[in-house]
Amino acid sequence: MNGKGKSSHWLIKAADLYRANMVWKLFGTRASGQRLIEGLSSPNENVRTLAGMFLVQSGRKAIPLLEYELENRRNMPLVLTMLGDIGAAESEGQLRRHLDDPDPEAAKAANEALRALLFKQKMDSSANMESQRPPKE
């Protein structure tokens, strides 16, 4: 395939992901979420990045799909990083379980993701405390 064919191929994949993301956002259908998950396995870095961004932007809704990927050991470092980026407290146990993963890249990703999650929780906690402070006179 020439350079132009490769370019149009990934653009078609990107358009498909965009469509899946819109359906995922509007209706939350499992099939559309699964389409985004499949994008994580693309040989094209741009497609993987786009799929990951859409899933992280969807927040907690993506967690069951990402946890399923972990159970099946697919895209481990990427999925662990995404769970940390989402920053949901319910992912902490999942991240801790992978700190000693036999795959060193997965263990490293779990460590970094856990640090990101704990930092986000700390920042959220500080923001909540600040908002509860009485106004100054």
N, C-alpha and C. Protein backbone atom coordinates (compact mmCIF):
# COMPACT_ATOMS: atom_id res chain seq x y z
N MET A 1 0.85 -1.17 0.00
CA MET A 1 0.00 0.00 0.00
C MET A 1 0.90 1.24 0.00
N ASN A 2 0.59 2.20 -0.86
CA ASN A 2 1.41 3.41 -0.92
C ASN A 2 1.10 4.32 0.27
N GLY A 3 1.89 5.38 0.42
CA GLY A 3 1.71 6.31 1.54
C GLY A 3 0.32 6.90 1.59
N LYS A 4 -0.23 7.21 0.42
CA LYS A 4 -1.57 7.80 0.37
C LYS A 4 -2.63 6.81 0.86
N GLY A 5 -2.46 5.54 0.51
CA GLY A 5 -3.41 4.51 0.94
C GLY A 5 -3.36 4.30 2.44
N LYS A 6 -2.16 4.32 3.01
CA LYS A 6 -2.02 4.18 4.46
C LYS A 6 -2.67 5.35 5.17
N SER A 7 -2.47 6.53 4.62
CA SER A 7 -3.03 7.74 5.23
C SER A 7 -4.55 7.68 5.24
N SER A 8 -5.13 7.30 4.11
CA SER A 8 -6.59 7.26 4.05
C SER A 8 -7.14 6.13 4.91
N HIS A 9 -6.38 5.04 5.04
CA HIS A 9 -6.84 3.92 5.87
C HIS A 9 -6.98 4.35 7.33
N TRP A 10 -5.98 5.04 7.88
CA TRP A 10 -6.07 5.44 9.28
C TRP A 10 -7.12 6.52 9.46
N LEU A 11 -7.33 7.36 8.45
CA LEU A 11 -8.37 8.38 8.56
C LEU A 11 -9.76 7.74 8.60
N ILE A 12 -9.93 6.67 7.85
CA ILE A 12 -11.21 5.94 7.88
C ILE A 12 -11.41 5.33 9.27
N LYS A 13 -10.34 4.75 9.83
CA LYS A 13 -10.41 4.19 11.18
C LYS A 13 -10.73 5.28 12.20
N ALA A 14 -10.11 6.45 12.04
CA ALA A 14 -10.35 7.56 12.95
C ALA A 14 -11.80 8.03 12.87
N ALA A 15 -12.35 8.09 11.66
CA ALA A 15 -13.75 8.49 11.48
C ALA A 15 -14.67 7.46 12.14
N ASP A 16 -14.33 6.19 12.03
CA ASP A 16 -15.11 5.13 12.66
C ASP A 16 -15.08 5.28 14.18
N LEU A 17 -13.91 5.60 14.73
CA LEU A 17 -13.80 5.81 16.18
C LEU A 17 -14.60 7.03 16.61
N TYR A 18 -14.55 8.08 15.82
CA TYR A 18 -15.32 9.29 16.15
C TYR A 18 -16.81 8.97 16.21
N ARG A 19 -17.28 8.21 15.23
CA ARG A 19 -18.69 7.79 15.20
C ARG A 19 -19.01 6.95 16.43
N ALA A 20 -18.15 5.99 16.73
CA ALA A 20 -18.37 5.12 17.90
C ALA A 20 -18.38 5.95 19.17
N ASN A 21 -17.51 6.94 19.25
CA ASN A 21 -17.47 7.79 20.44
C ASN A 21 -18.76 8.58 20.61
N MET A 22 -19.30 9.09 19.52
CA MET A 22 -20.56 9.85 19.61
C MET A 22 -21.69 8.95 20.11
N VAL A 23 -21.77 7.74 19.58
CA VAL A 23 -22.81 6.80 20.03
C VAL A 23 -22.57 6.43 21.49
N TRP A 24 -21.31 6.21 21.87
CA TRP A 24 -20.93 5.87 23.25
C TRP A 24 -21.37 6.99 24.19
N LYS A 25 -21.09 8.24 23.80
CA LYS A 25 -21.46 9.38 24.65
C LYS A 25 -22.97 9.52 24.78
N LEU A 26 -23.66 9.38 23.66
CA LEU A 26 -25.11 9.60 23.67
C LEU A 26 -25.91 8.47 24.30
N PHE A 27 -25.52 7.23 23.97
CA PHE A 27 -26.34 6.09 24.38
C PHE A 27 -25.64 5.09 25.30
N GLY A 28 -24.32 5.15 25.35
CA GLY A 28 -23.58 4.24 26.21
C GLY A 28 -23.68 2.79 25.81
N THR A 29 -23.88 2.52 24.52
CA THR A 29 -24.02 1.13 24.11
C THR A 29 -22.69 0.39 24.23
N ARG A 30 -22.78 -0.82 24.68
CA ARG A 30 -21.58 -1.65 24.88
C ARG A 30 -20.81 -1.82 23.56
N ALA A 31 -21.54 -1.98 22.46
CA ALA A 31 -20.90 -2.19 21.16
C ALA A 31 -20.04 -0.98 20.76
N SER A 32 -20.53 0.21 21.02
CA SER A 32 -19.75 1.39 20.66
C SER A 32 -18.54 1.54 21.58
N GLY A 33 -18.70 1.22 22.84
CA GLY A 33 -17.56 1.24 23.76
C GLY A 33 -16.54 0.19 23.37
N GLN A 34 -17.02 -0.97 22.95
CA GLN A 34 -16.13 -2.04 22.52
C GLN A 34 -15.36 -1.62 21.26
N ARG A 35 -15.99 -0.86 20.40
CA ARG A 35 -15.32 -0.37 19.19
C ARG A 35 -14.14 0.52 19.58
N LEU A 36 -14.33 1.35 20.62
CA LEU A 36 -13.23 2.19 21.10
C LEU A 36 -12.12 1.32 21.68
N ILE A 37 -12.50 0.29 22.44
CA ILE A 37 -11.51 -0.63 23.01
C ILE A 37 -10.70 -1.29 21.90
N GLU A 38 -11.36 -1.70 20.83
CA GLU A 38 -10.65 -2.34 19.72
C GLU A 38 -9.63 -1.40 19.10
N GLY A 39 -9.91 -0.11 19.14
CA GLY A 39 -8.97 0.88 18.61
C GLY A 39 -7.65 0.88 19.35
N LEU A 40 -7.66 0.45 20.62
CA LEU A 40 -6.43 0.40 21.40
C LEU A 40 -5.42 -0.61 20.84
N SER A 41 -5.90 -1.57 20.07
CA SER A 41 -5.04 -2.60 19.50
C SER A 41 -4.61 -2.30 18.07
N SER A 42 -4.95 -1.13 17.58
CA SER A 42 -4.60 -0.78 16.21
C SER A 42 -3.09 -0.71 16.02
N PRO A 43 -2.61 -1.11 14.85
CA PRO A 43 -1.18 -0.95 14.58
C PRO A 43 -0.79 0.52 14.39
N ASN A 44 -1.79 1.37 14.18
CA ASN A 44 -1.53 2.79 13.94
C ASN A 44 -1.57 3.56 15.26
N GLU A 45 -0.49 4.23 15.58
CA GLU A 45 -0.40 4.98 16.83
C GLU A 45 -1.47 6.06 16.95
N ASN A 46 -1.80 6.72 15.85
CA ASN A 46 -2.81 7.76 15.88
C ASN A 46 -4.18 7.21 16.27
N VAL A 47 -4.50 6.04 15.75
CA VAL A 47 -5.79 5.40 16.07
C VAL A 47 -5.80 5.00 17.54
N ARG A 48 -4.69 4.42 18.03
CA ARG A 48 -4.62 4.03 19.45
C ARG A 48 -4.78 5.25 20.36
N THR A 49 -4.11 6.33 20.00
CA THR A 49 -4.19 7.55 20.80
C THR A 49 -5.61 8.10 20.82
N LEU A 50 -6.24 8.15 19.67
CA LEU A 50 -7.61 8.67 19.59
C LEU A 50 -8.57 7.81 20.40
N ALA A 51 -8.45 6.50 20.29
CA ALA A 51 -9.31 5.59 21.06
C ALA A 51 -9.09 5.80 22.55
N GLY A 52 -7.85 5.91 22.97
CA GLY A 52 -7.53 6.12 24.38
C GLY A 52 -8.09 7.44 24.89
N MET A 53 -7.94 8.49 24.09
CA MET A 53 -8.47 9.80 24.51
C MET A 53 -9.99 9.75 24.70
N PHE A 54 -10.68 9.13 23.76
CA PHE A 54 -12.13 9.04 23.87
C PHE A 54 -12.54 8.25 25.11
N LEU A 55 -11.86 7.16 25.38
CA LEU A 55 -12.20 6.36 26.55
C LEU A 55 -11.92 7.11 27.85
N VAL A 56 -10.79 7.77 27.95
CA VAL A 56 -10.47 8.53 29.17
C VAL A 56 -11.47 9.68 29.35
N GLN A 57 -11.83 10.34 28.28
CA GLN A 57 -12.80 11.43 28.37
C GLN A 57 -14.16 10.95 28.85
N SER A 58 -14.47 9.69 28.60
CA SER A 58 -15.77 9.18 29.04
C SER A 58 -15.78 8.86 30.53
N GLY A 59 -14.62 8.88 31.16
CA GLY A 59 -14.54 8.73 32.61
C GLY A 59 -14.94 7.36 33.12
N ARG A 60 -15.65 7.37 34.23
CA ARG A 60 -16.01 6.13 34.93
C ARG A 60 -16.76 5.13 34.05
N LYS A 61 -17.46 5.63 33.06
CA LYS A 61 -18.23 4.74 32.19
C LYS A 61 -17.31 3.73 31.48
N ALA A 62 -16.06 4.11 31.26
CA ALA A 62 -15.12 3.23 30.55
C ALA A 62 -14.48 2.18 31.46
N ILE A 63 -14.59 2.34 32.76
CA ILE A 63 -13.87 1.45 33.68
C ILE A 63 -14.22 -0.03 33.48
N PRO A 64 -15.49 -0.44 33.36
CA PRO A 64 -15.75 -1.87 33.16
C PRO A 64 -15.10 -2.43 31.89
N LEU A 65 -15.08 -1.64 30.82
CA LEU A 65 -14.44 -2.10 29.58
C LEU A 65 -12.93 -2.23 29.77
N LEU A 66 -12.33 -1.27 30.45
CA LEU A 66 -10.89 -1.31 30.68
C LEU A 66 -10.51 -2.45 31.63
N GLU A 67 -11.33 -2.68 32.64
CA GLU A 67 -11.05 -3.79 33.56
C GLU A 67 -11.14 -5.14 32.85
N TYR A 68 -12.06 -5.24 31.92
CA TYR A 68 -12.18 -6.48 31.13
C TYR A 68 -10.90 -6.70 30.31
N GLU A 69 -10.37 -5.62 29.76
CA GLU A 69 -9.11 -5.72 29.02
C GLU A 69 -7.98 -6.21 29.93
N LEU A 70 -7.96 -5.70 31.16
CA LEU A 70 -6.93 -6.15 32.11
C LEU A 70 -7.07 -7.63 32.43
N GLU A 71 -8.31 -8.06 32.66
CA GLU A 71 -8.55 -9.48 32.97
C GLU A 71 -8.02 -10.38 31.85
N ASN A 72 -8.10 -9.88 30.63
CA ASN A 72 -7.65 -10.67 29.47
C ASN A 72 -6.23 -10.30 29.03
N ARG A 73 -5.58 -9.46 29.83
CA ARG A 73 -4.18 -9.07 29.63
C ARG A 73 -3.93 -8.50 28.23
N ARG A 74 -4.83 -7.64 27.78
CA ARG A 74 -4.66 -6.98 26.49
C ARG A 74 -4.31 -5.51 26.73
N ASN A 75 -3.33 -5.04 26.00
CA ASN A 75 -2.93 -3.62 26.05
C ASN A 75 -2.64 -3.17 27.48
N MET A 76 -1.99 -4.02 28.23
CA MET A 76 -1.80 -3.80 29.67
C MET A 76 -1.25 -2.41 30.05
N PRO A 77 -0.07 -2.02 29.57
CA PRO A 77 0.45 -0.72 30.02
C PRO A 77 -0.49 0.44 29.66
N LEU A 78 -1.04 0.39 28.46
CA LEU A 78 -1.94 1.46 28.02
C LEU A 78 -3.20 1.51 28.88
N VAL A 79 -3.80 0.37 29.13
CA VAL A 79 -5.04 0.32 29.91
C VAL A 79 -4.79 0.76 31.36
N LEU A 80 -3.69 0.33 31.95
CA LEU A 80 -3.37 0.75 33.32
C LEU A 80 -3.17 2.27 33.38
N THR A 81 -2.47 2.80 32.41
CA THR A 81 -2.27 4.25 32.35
C THR A 81 -3.60 4.98 32.23
N MET A 82 -4.50 4.45 31.41
CA MET A 82 -5.80 5.09 31.23
C MET A 82 -6.62 5.07 32.52
N LEU A 83 -6.55 3.98 33.26
CA LEU A 83 -7.27 3.93 34.54
C LEU A 83 -6.74 5.00 35.50
N GLY A 84 -5.43 5.20 35.49
CA GLY A 84 -4.86 6.27 36.31
C GLY A 84 -5.30 7.64 35.84
N ASP A 85 -5.37 7.83 34.52
CA ASP A 85 -5.80 9.11 33.96
C ASP A 85 -7.25 9.42 34.30
N ILE A 86 -8.08 8.39 34.31
CA ILE A 86 -9.49 8.61 34.68
C ILE A 86 -9.57 9.04 36.14
N GLY A 87 -8.74 8.43 36.97
CA GLY A 87 -8.61 8.88 38.35
C GLY A 87 -9.74 8.48 39.28
N ALA A 88 -10.47 7.43 38.95
CA ALA A 88 -11.57 6.99 39.80
C ALA A 88 -11.04 6.14 40.95
N ALA A 89 -11.50 6.42 42.15
CA ALA A 89 -11.04 5.71 43.34
C ALA A 89 -11.24 4.21 43.23
N GLU A 90 -12.29 3.78 42.53
CA GLU A 90 -12.55 2.34 42.43
C GLU A 90 -11.49 1.60 41.62
N SER A 91 -10.63 2.30 40.92
CA SER A 91 -9.56 1.66 40.16
C SER A 91 -8.30 1.42 40.99
N GLU A 92 -8.24 1.97 42.18
CA GLU A 92 -7.03 1.86 42.99
C GLU A 92 -6.63 0.40 43.25
N GLY A 93 -7.57 -0.43 43.62
CA GLY A 93 -7.26 -1.83 43.90
C GLY A 93 -6.73 -2.55 42.67
N GLN A 94 -7.33 -2.27 41.54
CA GLN A 94 -6.90 -2.88 40.28
C GLN A 94 -5.46 -2.47 39.96
N LEU A 95 -5.15 -1.21 40.17
CA LEU A 95 -3.79 -0.72 39.91
C LEU A 95 -2.80 -1.35 40.89
N ARG A 96 -3.17 -1.43 42.15
CA ARG A 96 -2.27 -2.03 43.16
C ARG A 96 -1.98 -3.49 42.84
N ARG A 97 -2.98 -4.22 42.33
CA ARG A 97 -2.78 -5.63 42.00
C ARG A 97 -1.72 -5.82 40.91
N HIS A 98 -1.52 -4.81 40.11
CA HIS A 98 -0.57 -4.94 38.99
C HIS A 98 0.79 -4.31 39.28
N LEU A 99 1.02 -3.86 40.50
CA LEU A 99 2.32 -3.29 40.84
C LEU A 99 3.44 -4.32 40.71
N ASP A 100 3.13 -5.57 40.97
CA ASP A 100 4.11 -6.65 40.87
C ASP A 100 3.83 -7.55 39.66
N ASP A 101 3.27 -6.98 38.62
CA ASP A 101 2.93 -7.75 37.43
C ASP A 101 4.20 -8.37 36.84
N PRO A 102 4.10 -9.60 36.32
CA PRO A 102 5.28 -10.24 35.71
C PRO A 102 5.81 -9.47 34.49
N ASP A 103 4.94 -8.70 33.83
CA ASP A 103 5.36 -7.87 32.70
C ASP A 103 5.91 -6.56 33.27
N PRO A 104 7.20 -6.30 33.14
CA PRO A 104 7.78 -5.10 33.75
C PRO A 104 7.16 -3.79 33.23
N GLU A 105 6.73 -3.78 31.97
CA GLU A 105 6.09 -2.57 31.43
C GLU A 105 4.73 -2.34 32.10
N ALA A 106 4.00 -3.42 32.35
CA ALA A 106 2.71 -3.30 33.03
C ALA A 106 2.90 -2.86 34.47
N ALA A 107 3.90 -3.42 35.15
CA ALA A 107 4.18 -3.03 36.54
C ALA A 107 4.56 -1.55 36.62
N LYS A 108 5.38 -1.11 35.69
CA LYS A 108 5.78 0.31 35.65
C LYS A 108 4.57 1.20 35.39
N ALA A 109 3.74 0.80 34.43
CA ALA A 109 2.53 1.57 34.11
C ALA A 109 1.59 1.61 35.31
N ALA A 110 1.45 0.50 36.03
CA ALA A 110 0.58 0.46 37.22
C ALA A 110 1.11 1.41 38.28
N ASN A 111 2.41 1.42 38.49
CA ASN A 111 3.02 2.32 39.47
C ASN A 111 2.76 3.79 39.11
N GLU A 112 3.00 4.14 37.87
CA GLU A 112 2.79 5.53 37.43
C GLU A 112 1.31 5.91 37.47
N ALA A 113 0.46 4.98 37.08
CA ALA A 113 -0.98 5.24 37.10
C ALA A 113 -1.49 5.41 38.53
N LEU A 114 -0.99 4.60 39.44
CA LEU A 114 -1.39 4.71 40.84
C LEU A 114 -0.94 6.06 41.42
N ARG A 115 0.25 6.47 41.09
CA ARG A 115 0.74 7.77 41.54
C ARG A 115 -0.14 8.89 40.99
N ALA A 116 -0.53 8.80 39.71
CA ALA A 116 -1.40 9.81 39.11
C ALA A 116 -2.77 9.83 39.79
N LEU A 117 -3.31 8.64 40.06
CA LEU A 117 -4.62 8.54 40.70
C LEU A 117 -4.58 9.14 42.11
N LEU A 118 -3.56 8.79 42.88
CA LEU A 118 -3.46 9.30 44.26
C LEU A 118 -3.24 10.82 44.26
N PHE A 119 -2.47 11.32 43.31
CA PHE A 119 -2.27 12.77 43.20
C PHE A 119 -3.59 13.46 42.87
N LYS A 120 -4.35 12.89 41.94
CA LYS A 120 -5.65 13.47 41.57
C LYS A 120 -6.59 13.47 42.77
N GLN A 121 -6.60 12.37 43.53
CA GLN A 121 -7.45 12.31 44.72
C GLN A 121 -7.04 13.38 45.73
N LYS A 122 -5.75 13.57 45.89
CA LYS A 122 -5.25 14.58 46.83
C LYS A 122 -5.67 15.98 46.37
N MET A 123 -5.55 16.23 45.08
CA MET A 123 -5.93 17.54 44.54
C MET A 123 -7.43 17.77 44.68
N ASP A 124 -8.22 16.73 44.40
CA ASP A 124 -9.67 16.84 44.54
C ASP A 124 -10.05 17.10 45.99
N SER A 125 -9.37 16.43 46.91
CA SER A 125 -9.63 16.61 48.33
C SER A 125 -9.29 18.04 48.76
N SER A 126 -8.17 18.55 48.29
CA SER A 126 -7.77 19.93 48.62
C SER A 126 -8.78 20.93 48.07
N ALA A 127 -9.25 20.68 46.85
CA ALA A 127 -10.23 21.58 46.24
C ALA A 127 -11.54 21.56 47.02
N ASN A 128 -11.94 20.38 47.49
CA ASN A 128 -13.17 20.27 48.28
C ASN A 128 -13.03 21.01 49.61
N MET A 129 -11.88 20.87 50.24
CA MET A 129 -11.66 21.56 51.51
C MET A 129 -11.67 23.07 51.31
N GLU A 130 -11.08 23.53 50.22
CA GLU A 130 -11.03 24.95 49.91
C GLU A 130 -12.44 25.50 49.67
N SER A 131 -13.29 24.74 49.00
CA SER A 131 -14.64 25.21 48.71
C SER A 131 -15.53 25.23 49.95
N GLN A 132 -15.14 24.47 51.00
CA GLN A 132 -15.94 24.43 52.21
C GLN A 132 -15.50 25.47 53.24
N ARG A 133 -14.43 26.17 52.93
CA ARG A 133 -13.92 27.19 53.83
C ARG A 133 -14.86 28.39 53.83
N PRO A 134 -15.14 28.96 55.01
CA PRO A 134 -16.01 30.15 55.04
C PRO A 134 -15.33 31.33 54.34
N PRO A 135 -16.11 32.19 53.72
CA PRO A 135 -15.52 33.35 53.04
C PRO A 135 -14.85 34.29 54.04
N LYS A 136 -13.79 34.95 53.55
CA LYS A 136 -13.10 35.92 54.40
C LYS A 136 -13.92 37.20 54.47
N GLU A 137 -13.83 37.84 55.60
CA GLU A 137 -14.58 39.10 55.77
C GLU A 137 -13.79 40.27 55.28
